PDB file of N, CA and C in Angstrom:
ATOM      1  N   UNK A   1     -30.609  -1.136  68.143  1.00  0.00           N
ATOM      2  CA  UNK A   1     -31.129  -0.688  66.869  1.00  0.00           C
ATOM      3  C   UNK A   1     -32.430   0.062  67.124  1.00  0.00           C
ATOM      4  N   UNK A   2     -32.487   1.274  66.623  1.00  0.00           N
ATOM      5  CA  UNK A   2     -33.711   2.063  66.728  1.00  0.00           C
ATOM      6  C   UNK A   2     -34.244   2.301  65.317  1.00  0.00           C
ATOM      7  N   UNK A   3     -35.552   2.510  65.232  1.00  0.00           N
ATOM      8  CA  UNK A   3     -36.164   2.718  63.919  1.00  0.00           C
ATOM      9  C   UNK A   3     -36.986   3.993  63.850  1.00  0.00           C
ATOM     10  N   UNK A   4     -37.074   4.727  64.967  1.00  0.00           N
ATOM     11  CA  UNK A   4     -37.891   5.933  64.968  1.00  0.00           C
ATOM     12  C   UNK A   4     -37.429   6.873  66.082  1.00  0.00           C
ATOM     13  N   UNK A   5     -37.917   8.104  66.009  1.00  0.00           N
ATOM     14  CA  UNK A   5     -37.614   9.074  67.062  1.00  0.00           C
ATOM     15  C   UNK A   5     -38.178   8.596  68.401  1.00  0.00           C
ATOM     16  N   UNK A   6     -39.314   7.927  68.359  1.00  0.00           N
ATOM     17  CA  UNK A   6     -39.919   7.390  69.585  1.00  0.00           C
ATOM     18  C   UNK A   6     -38.999   6.349  70.239  1.00  0.00           C
ATOM     19  N   UNK A   7     -38.379   5.500  69.419  1.00  0.00           N
ATOM     20  CA  UNK A   7     -37.416   4.518  69.936  1.00  0.00           C
ATOM     21  C   UNK A   7     -36.235   5.220  70.607  1.00  0.00           C
ATOM     22  N   UNK A   8     -35.733   6.270  69.970  1.00  0.00           N
ATOM     23  CA  UNK A   8     -34.591   7.007  70.521  1.00  0.00           C
ATOM     24  C   UNK A   8     -34.954   7.609  71.866  1.00  0.00           C
ATOM     25  N   UNK A   9     -36.128   8.200  71.963  1.00  0.00           N
ATOM     26  CA  UNK A   9     -36.575   8.784  73.227  1.00  0.00           C
ATOM     27  C   UNK A   9     -36.619   7.727  74.329  1.00  0.00           C
ATOM     28  N   UNK A  10     -37.147   6.559  74.025  1.00  0.00           N
ATOM     29  CA  UNK A  10     -37.235   5.488  75.018  1.00  0.00           C
ATOM     30  C   UNK A  10     -35.848   5.039  75.468  1.00  0.00           C
ATOM     31  N   UNK A  11     -34.922   4.906  74.517  1.00  0.00           N
ATOM     32  CA  UNK A  11     -33.563   4.479  74.844  1.00  0.00           C
ATOM     33  C   UNK A  11     -32.854   5.514  75.717  1.00  0.00           C
ATOM     34  N   UNK A  12     -32.992   6.782  75.384  1.00  0.00           N
ATOM     35  CA  UNK A  12     -32.333   7.840  76.165  1.00  0.00           C
ATOM     36  C   UNK A  12     -32.909   7.890  77.579  1.00  0.00           C
ATOM     37  N   UNK A  13     -34.213   7.746  77.710  1.00  0.00           N
ATOM     38  CA  UNK A  13     -34.830   7.720  79.047  1.00  0.00           C
ATOM     39  C   UNK A  13     -34.316   6.536  79.856  1.00  0.00           C
ATOM     40  N   UNK A  14     -34.207   5.363  79.211  1.00  0.00           N
ATOM     41  CA  UNK A  14     -33.696   4.176  79.885  1.00  0.00           C
ATOM     42  C   UNK A  14     -32.259   4.397  80.345  1.00  0.00           C
ATOM     43  N   UNK A  15     -31.426   4.906  79.448  1.00  0.00           N
ATOM     44  CA  UNK A  15     -30.018   5.139  79.783  1.00  0.00           C
ATOM     45  C   UNK A  15     -29.892   6.148  80.922  1.00  0.00           C
ATOM     46  N   UNK A  16     -30.692   7.183  80.891  1.00  0.00           N
ATOM     47  CA  UNK A  16     -30.659   8.197  81.958  1.00  0.00           C
ATOM     48  C   UNK A  16     -31.088   7.588  83.291  1.00  0.00           C
ATOM     49  N   UNK A  17     -32.143   6.794  83.271  1.00  0.00           N
ATOM     50  CA  UNK A  17     -32.646   6.171  84.500  1.00  0.00           C
ATOM     51  C   UNK A  17     -31.633   5.223  85.125  1.00  0.00           C
ATOM     52  N   UNK A  18     -30.772   4.629  84.290  1.00  0.00           N
ATOM     53  CA  UNK A  18     -29.780   3.660  84.778  1.00  0.00           C
ATOM     54  C   UNK A  18     -28.358   4.222  84.772  1.00  0.00           C
ATOM     55  N   UNK A  19     -28.251   5.545  84.592  1.00  0.00           N
ATOM     56  CA  UNK A  19     -26.967   6.243  84.638  1.00  0.00           C
ATOM     57  C   UNK A  19     -25.929   5.617  83.691  1.00  0.00           C
ATOM     58  N   UNK A  20     -26.349   5.378  82.441  1.00  0.00           N
ATOM     59  CA  UNK A  20     -25.475   4.765  81.443  1.00  0.00           C
ATOM     60  C   UNK A  20     -24.907   5.822  80.502  1.00  0.00           C
ATOM     61  N   UNK A  21     -23.651   5.677  80.164  1.00  0.00           N
ATOM     62  CA  UNK A  21     -23.030   6.534  79.155  1.00  0.00           C
ATOM     63  C   UNK A  21     -23.572   6.101  77.792  1.00  0.00           C
ATOM     64  N   UNK A  22     -23.993   7.060  76.974  1.00  0.00           N
ATOM     65  CA  UNK A  22     -24.597   6.759  75.677  1.00  0.00           C
ATOM     66  C   UNK A  22     -23.637   7.124  74.554  1.00  0.00           C
ATOM     67  N   UNK A  23     -23.515   6.227  73.575  1.00  0.00           N
ATOM     68  CA  UNK A  23     -22.807   6.521  72.337  1.00  0.00           C
ATOM     69  C   UNK A  23     -23.787   6.304  71.186  1.00  0.00           C
ATOM     70  N   UNK A  24     -23.523   6.971  70.067  1.00  0.00           N
ATOM     71  CA  UNK A  24     -24.425   6.903  68.914  1.00  0.00           C
ATOM     72  C   UNK A  24     -23.630   6.524  67.676  1.00  0.00           C
ATOM     73  N   UNK A  25     -24.180   5.577  66.927  1.00  0.00           N
ATOM     74  CA  UNK A  25     -23.579   5.174  65.655  1.00  0.00           C
ATOM     75  C   UNK A  25     -24.639   5.329  64.575  1.00  0.00           C
ATOM     76  N   UNK A  26     -24.220   5.880  63.454  1.00  0.00           N
ATOM     77  CA  UNK A  26     -25.155   6.071  62.353  1.00  0.00           C
ATOM     78  C   UNK A  26     -24.798   5.116  61.232  1.00  0.00           C
ATOM     79  N   UNK A  27     -24.456   5.645  60.067  1.00  0.00           N
ATOM     80  CA  UNK A  27     -24.206   4.774  58.914  1.00  0.00           C
ATOM     81  C   UNK A  27     -22.736   4.603  58.578  1.00  0.00           C
ATOM     82  N   UNK A  28     -21.882   5.351  59.226  1.00  0.00           N
ATOM     83  CA  UNK A  28     -20.476   5.298  58.846  1.00  0.00           C
ATOM     84  C   UNK A  28     -19.549   5.162  60.033  1.00  0.00           C
ATOM     85  N   UNK A  29     -18.344   5.648  59.847  1.00  0.00           N
ATOM     86  CA  UNK A  29     -17.314   5.550  60.869  1.00  0.00           C
ATOM     87  C   UNK A  29     -17.105   6.904  61.525  1.00  0.00           C
ATOM     88  N   UNK A  30     -16.654   6.864  62.754  1.00  0.00           N
ATOM     89  CA  UNK A  30     -16.272   8.078  63.457  1.00  0.00           C
ATOM     90  C   UNK A  30     -14.801   7.926  63.811  1.00  0.00           C
ATOM     91  N   UNK A  31     -13.968   8.607  63.067  1.00  0.00           N
ATOM     92  CA  UNK A  31     -12.525   8.451  63.247  1.00  0.00           C
ATOM     93  C   UNK A  31     -12.038   9.010  64.573  1.00  0.00           C
ATOM     94  N   UNK A  32     -12.881   9.796  65.249  1.00  0.00           N
ATOM     95  CA  UNK A  32     -12.493  10.347  66.550  1.00  0.00           C
ATOM     96  C   UNK A  32     -12.901   9.409  67.687  1.00  0.00           C
ATOM     97  N   UNK A  33     -13.596   8.309  67.352  1.00  0.00           N
ATOM     98  CA  UNK A  33     -13.939   7.318  68.362  1.00  0.00           C
ATOM     99  C   UNK A  33     -15.169   7.644  69.193  1.00  0.00           C
ATOM    100  N   UNK A  34     -15.982   8.598  68.769  1.00  0.00           N
ATOM    101  CA  UNK A  34     -17.151   8.973  69.561  1.00  0.00           C
ATOM    102  C   UNK A  34     -18.279   7.961  69.474  1.00  0.00           C
ATOM    103  N   UNK A  35     -18.238   7.048  68.508  1.00  0.00           N
ATOM    104  CA  UNK A  35     -19.308   6.064  68.376  1.00  0.00           C
ATOM    105  C   UNK A  35     -18.996   4.764  69.113  1.00  0.00           C
ATOM    106  N   UNK A  36     -17.880   4.732  69.804  1.00  0.00           N
ATOM    107  CA  UNK A  36     -17.530   3.558  70.603  1.00  0.00           C
ATOM    108  C   UNK A  36     -17.064   4.012  71.979  1.00  0.00           C
ATOM    109  N   UNK A  37     -17.425   3.249  72.970  1.00  0.00           N
ATOM    110  CA  UNK A  37     -16.999   3.539  74.340  1.00  0.00           C
ATOM    111  C   UNK A  37     -17.241   2.263  75.120  1.00  0.00           C
ATOM    112  N   UNK A  38     -16.194   1.692  75.656  1.00  0.00           N
ATOM    113  CA  UNK A  38     -16.330   0.436  76.372  1.00  0.00           C
ATOM    114  C   UNK A  38     -17.329   0.583  77.516  1.00  0.00           C
ATOM    115  N   UNK A  39     -18.314  -0.312  77.539  1.00  0.00           N
ATOM    116  CA  UNK A  39     -19.317  -0.309  78.596  1.00  0.00           C
ATOM    117  C   UNK A  39     -20.454   0.680  78.368  1.00  0.00           C
ATOM    118  N   UNK A  40     -20.462   1.360  77.227  1.00  0.00           N
ATOM    119  CA  UNK A  40     -21.526   2.340  76.984  1.00  0.00           C
ATOM    120  C   UNK A  40     -22.776   1.668  76.417  1.00  0.00           C
ATOM    121  N   UNK A  41     -23.848   2.423  76.416  1.00  0.00           N
ATOM    122  CA  UNK A  41     -25.118   1.996  75.835  1.00  0.00           C
ATOM    123  C   UNK A  41     -25.169   2.582  74.431  1.00  0.00           C
ATOM    124  N   UNK A  42     -25.074   1.738  73.423  1.00  0.00           N
ATOM    125  CA  UNK A  42     -24.966   2.182  72.032  1.00  0.00           C
ATOM    126  C   UNK A  42     -26.344   2.325  71.397  1.00  0.00           C
ATOM    127  N   UNK A  43     -26.600   3.495  70.819  1.00  0.00           N
ATOM    128  CA  UNK A  43     -27.798   3.711  70.015  1.00  0.00           C
ATOM    129  C   UNK A  43     -27.358   3.611  68.563  1.00  0.00           C
ATOM    130  N   UNK A  44     -27.852   2.589  67.870  1.00  0.00           N
ATOM    131  CA  UNK A  44     -27.483   2.355  66.482  1.00  0.00           C
ATOM    132  C   UNK A  44     -28.606   2.868  65.581  1.00  0.00           C
ATOM    133  N   UNK A  45     -28.300   3.885  64.761  1.00  0.00           N
ATOM    134  CA  UNK A  45     -29.285   4.543  63.911  1.00  0.00           C
ATOM    135  C   UNK A  45     -29.325   3.994  62.491  1.00  0.00           C
ATOM    136  N   UNK A  46     -28.562   2.961  62.183  1.00  0.00           N
ATOM    137  CA  UNK A  46     -28.427   2.501  60.799  1.00  0.00           C
ATOM    138  C   UNK A  46     -29.731   1.969  60.202  1.00  0.00           C
ATOM    139  N   UNK A  47     -30.701   1.579  61.023  1.00  0.00           N
ATOM    140  CA  UNK A  47     -31.983   1.108  60.505  1.00  0.00           C
ATOM    141  C   UNK A  47     -32.916   2.264  60.137  1.00  0.00           C
ATOM    142  N   UNK A  48     -32.521   3.480  60.494  1.00  0.00           N
ATOM    143  CA  UNK A  48     -33.330   4.654  60.153  1.00  0.00           C
ATOM    144  C   UNK A  48     -32.896   5.116  58.767  1.00  0.00           C
ATOM    145  N   UNK A  49     -33.492   4.520  57.736  1.00  0.00           N
ATOM    146  CA  UNK A  49     -33.010   4.743  56.375  1.00  0.00           C
ATOM    147  C   UNK A  49     -34.120   5.133  55.397  1.00  0.00           C
ATOM    148  N   UNK A  50     -35.095   5.868  55.876  1.00  0.00           N
ATOM    149  CA  UNK A  50     -36.163   6.329  54.981  1.00  0.00           C
ATOM    150  C   UNK A  50     -35.739   7.613  54.272  1.00  0.00           C
ATOM    151  N   UNK A  51     -36.343   7.819  53.096  1.00  0.00           N
ATOM    152  CA  UNK A  51     -35.999   8.987  52.288  1.00  0.00           C
ATOM    153  C   UNK A  51     -37.238   9.473  51.550  1.00  0.00           C
ATOM    154  N   UNK A  52     -37.425  10.802  51.538  1.00  0.00           N
ATOM    155  CA  UNK A  52     -38.535  11.414  50.801  1.00  0.00           C
ATOM    156  C   UNK A  52     -37.960  12.368  49.757  1.00  0.00           C
ATOM    157  N   UNK A  53     -38.390  12.199  48.521  1.00  0.00           N
ATOM    158  CA  UNK A  53     -37.998  13.103  47.443  1.00  0.00           C
ATOM    159  C   UNK A  53     -39.245  13.845  47.002  1.00  0.00           C
ATOM    160  N   UNK A  54     -39.200  15.169  47.045  1.00  0.00           N
ATOM    161  CA  UNK A  54     -40.339  15.992  46.646  1.00  0.00           C
ATOM    162  C   UNK A  54     -39.899  16.907  45.510  1.00  0.00           C
ATOM    163  N   UNK A  55     -40.204  16.512  44.291  1.00  0.00           N
ATOM    164  CA  UNK A  55     -39.793  17.298  43.132  1.00  0.00           C
ATOM    165  C   UNK A  55     -40.693  18.514  42.902  1.00  0.00           C
ATOM    166  N   UNK A  56     -41.804  18.598  43.610  1.00  0.00           N
ATOM    167  CA  UNK A  56     -42.738  19.716  43.490  1.00  0.00           C
ATOM    168  C   UNK A  56     -42.745  20.563  44.751  1.00  0.00           C
ATOM    169  N   UNK A  57     -41.644  20.653  45.416  1.00  0.00           N
ATOM    170  CA  UNK A  57     -41.540  21.379  46.672  1.00  0.00           C
ATOM    171  C   UNK A  57     -41.724  22.881  46.472  1.00  0.00           C
ATOM    172  N   UNK A  58     -42.405  23.497  47.410  1.00  0.00           N
ATOM    173  CA  UNK A  58     -42.538  24.960  47.389  1.00  0.00           C
ATOM    174  C   UNK A  58     -41.296  25.628  47.977  1.00  0.00           C
ATOM    175  N   UNK A  59     -40.415  24.856  48.575  1.00  0.00           N
ATOM    176  CA  UNK A  59     -39.208  25.401  49.202  1.00  0.00           C
ATOM    177  C   UNK A  59     -38.087  25.647  48.196  1.00  0.00           C
ATOM    178  N   UNK A  60     -38.082  24.873  47.105  1.00  0.00           N
ATOM    179  CA  UNK A  60     -37.015  25.005  46.114  1.00  0.00           C
ATOM    180  C   UNK A  60     -37.532  24.595  44.746  1.00  0.00           C
ATOM    181  N   UNK A  61     -37.144  25.335  43.738  1.00  0.00           N
ATOM    182  CA  UNK A  61     -37.563  24.993  42.372  1.00  0.00           C
ATOM    183  C   UNK A  61     -36.966  23.669  41.900  1.00  0.00           C
ATOM    184  N   UNK A  62     -35.908  23.213  42.560  1.00  0.00           N
ATOM    185  CA  UNK A  62     -35.240  21.966  42.197  1.00  0.00           C
ATOM    186  C   UNK A  62     -35.777  20.763  42.964  1.00  0.00           C
ATOM    187  N   UNK A  63     -36.650  21.022  43.942  1.00  0.00           N
ATOM    188  CA  UNK A  63     -37.181  19.960  44.779  1.00  0.00           C
ATOM    189  C   UNK A  63     -36.404  19.851  46.084  1.00  0.00           C
ATOM    190  N   UNK A  64     -36.874  18.991  46.962  1.00  0.00           N
ATOM    191  CA  UNK A  64     -36.212  18.779  48.251  1.00  0.00           C
ATOM    192  C   UNK A  64     -36.069  17.282  48.518  1.00  0.00           C
ATOM    193  N   UNK A  65     -35.124  16.967  49.362  1.00  0.00           N
ATOM    194  CA  UNK A  65     -34.884  15.592  49.777  1.00  0.00           C
ATOM    195  C   UNK A  65     -34.802  15.582  51.293  1.00  0.00           C
ATOM    196  N   UNK A  66     -35.550  14.685  51.903  1.00  0.00           N
ATOM    197  CA  UNK A  66     -35.510  14.519  53.359  1.00  0.00           C
ATOM    198  C   UNK A  66     -35.035  13.096  53.633  1.00  0.00           C
ATOM    199  N   UNK A  67     -33.924  12.964  54.361  1.00  0.00           N
ATOM    200  CA  UNK A  67     -33.351  11.646  54.619  1.00  0.00           C
ATOM    201  C   UNK A  67     -33.155  11.428  56.106  1.00  0.00           C
ATOM    202  N   UNK A  68     -33.224  10.169  56.499  1.00  0.00           N
ATOM    203  CA  UNK A  68     -32.888   9.813  57.867  1.00  0.00           C
ATOM    204  C   UNK A  68     -31.402   9.489  57.937  1.00  0.00           C
ATOM    205  N   UNK A  69     -30.894   9.454  59.115  1.00  0.00           N
ATOM    206  CA  UNK A  69     -29.450   9.376  59.337  1.00  0.00           C
ATOM    207  C   UNK A  69     -28.796   8.051  58.949  1.00  0.00           C
ATOM    208  N   UNK A  70     -29.565   6.994  58.771  1.00  0.00           N
ATOM    209  CA  UNK A  70     -28.975   5.697  58.455  1.00  0.00           C
ATOM    210  C   UNK A  70     -28.538   5.514  57.015  1.00  0.00           C
ATOM    211  N   UNK A  71     -28.902   6.443  56.150  1.00  0.00           N
ATOM    212  CA  UNK A  71     -28.513   6.338  54.742  1.00  0.00           C
ATOM    213  C   UNK A  71     -27.093   6.848  54.516  1.00  0.00           C
ATOM    214  N   UNK A  72     -26.408   6.221  53.578  1.00  0.00           N
ATOM    215  CA  UNK A  72     -25.094   6.695  53.179  1.00  0.00           C
ATOM    216  C   UNK A  72     -25.264   7.585  51.952  1.00  0.00           C
ATOM    217  N   UNK A  73     -24.328   8.506  51.768  1.00  0.00           N
ATOM    218  CA  UNK A  73     -24.438   9.462  50.662  1.00  0.00           C
ATOM    219  C   UNK A  73     -24.568   8.779  49.313  1.00  0.00           C
ATOM    220  N   UNK A  74     -23.864   7.681  49.088  1.00  0.00           N
ATOM    221  CA  UNK A  74     -23.960   7.002  47.792  1.00  0.00           C
ATOM    222  C   UNK A  74     -25.378   6.497  47.538  1.00  0.00           C
ATOM    223  N   UNK A  75     -26.081   6.050  48.592  1.00  0.00           N
ATOM    224  CA  UNK A  75     -27.466   5.614  48.440  1.00  0.00           C
ATOM    225  C   UNK A  75     -28.379   6.792  48.095  1.00  0.00           C
ATOM    226  N   UNK A  76     -28.132   7.923  48.734  1.00  0.00           N
ATOM    227  CA  UNK A  76     -28.928   9.123  48.483  1.00  0.00           C
ATOM    228  C   UNK A  76     -28.727   9.591  47.054  1.00  0.00           C
ATOM    229  N   UNK A  77     -27.475   9.695  46.623  1.00  0.00           N
ATOM    230  CA  UNK A  77     -27.180  10.141  45.268  1.00  0.00           C
ATOM    231  C   UNK A  77     -27.852   9.243  44.231  1.00  0.00           C
ATOM    232  N   UNK A  78     -27.786   7.925  44.460  1.00  0.00           N
ATOM    233  CA  UNK A  78     -28.359   6.988  43.502  1.00  0.00           C
ATOM    234  C   UNK A  78     -29.877   7.145  43.423  1.00  0.00           C
ATOM    235  N   UNK A  79     -30.544   7.284  44.553  1.00  0.00           N
ATOM    236  CA  UNK A  79     -32.001   7.422  44.556  1.00  0.00           C
ATOM    237  C   UNK A  79     -32.437   8.738  43.940  1.00  0.00           C
ATOM    238  N   UNK A  80     -31.703   9.799  44.211  1.00  0.00           N
ATOM    239  CA  UNK A  80     -32.043  11.118  43.643  1.00  0.00           C
ATOM    240  C   UNK A  80     -31.824  11.096  42.141  1.00  0.00           C
ATOM    241  N   UNK A  81     -30.757  10.486  41.711  1.00  0.00           N
ATOM    242  CA  UNK A  81     -30.413  10.447  40.282  1.00  0.00           C
ATOM    243  C   UNK A  81     -31.505   9.789  39.449  1.00  0.00           C
ATOM    244  N   UNK A  82     -32.122   8.749  39.981  1.00  0.00           N
ATOM    245  CA  UNK A  82     -33.112   7.997  39.210  1.00  0.00           C
ATOM    246  C   UNK A  82     -34.549   8.379  39.536  1.00  0.00           C
ATOM    247  N   UNK A  83     -34.735   9.528  40.177  1.00  0.00           N
ATOM    248  CA  UNK A  83     -36.104   9.993  40.493  1.00  0.00           C
ATOM    249  C   UNK A  83     -36.624  10.905  39.408  1.00  0.00           C
TER     250      UNK A  83
END
């Protein structure tokens, strides 16, 4: 479980130093099987679930949303809807 970009960097360096195959899992399923590999070093991104809503953004008249990869779309939609 990683919680920041710094955590990811440390994990990738560790895996590289020990010649480990890395797989990544986020918030959902990968039907092609890329998030599972027997004997691999799994980086789980599901704890990376922060979200920023900026309704006064200079980038868009409608505002902007910045999300981390651990959020599911239904969570994003719900938070945006009630902002």
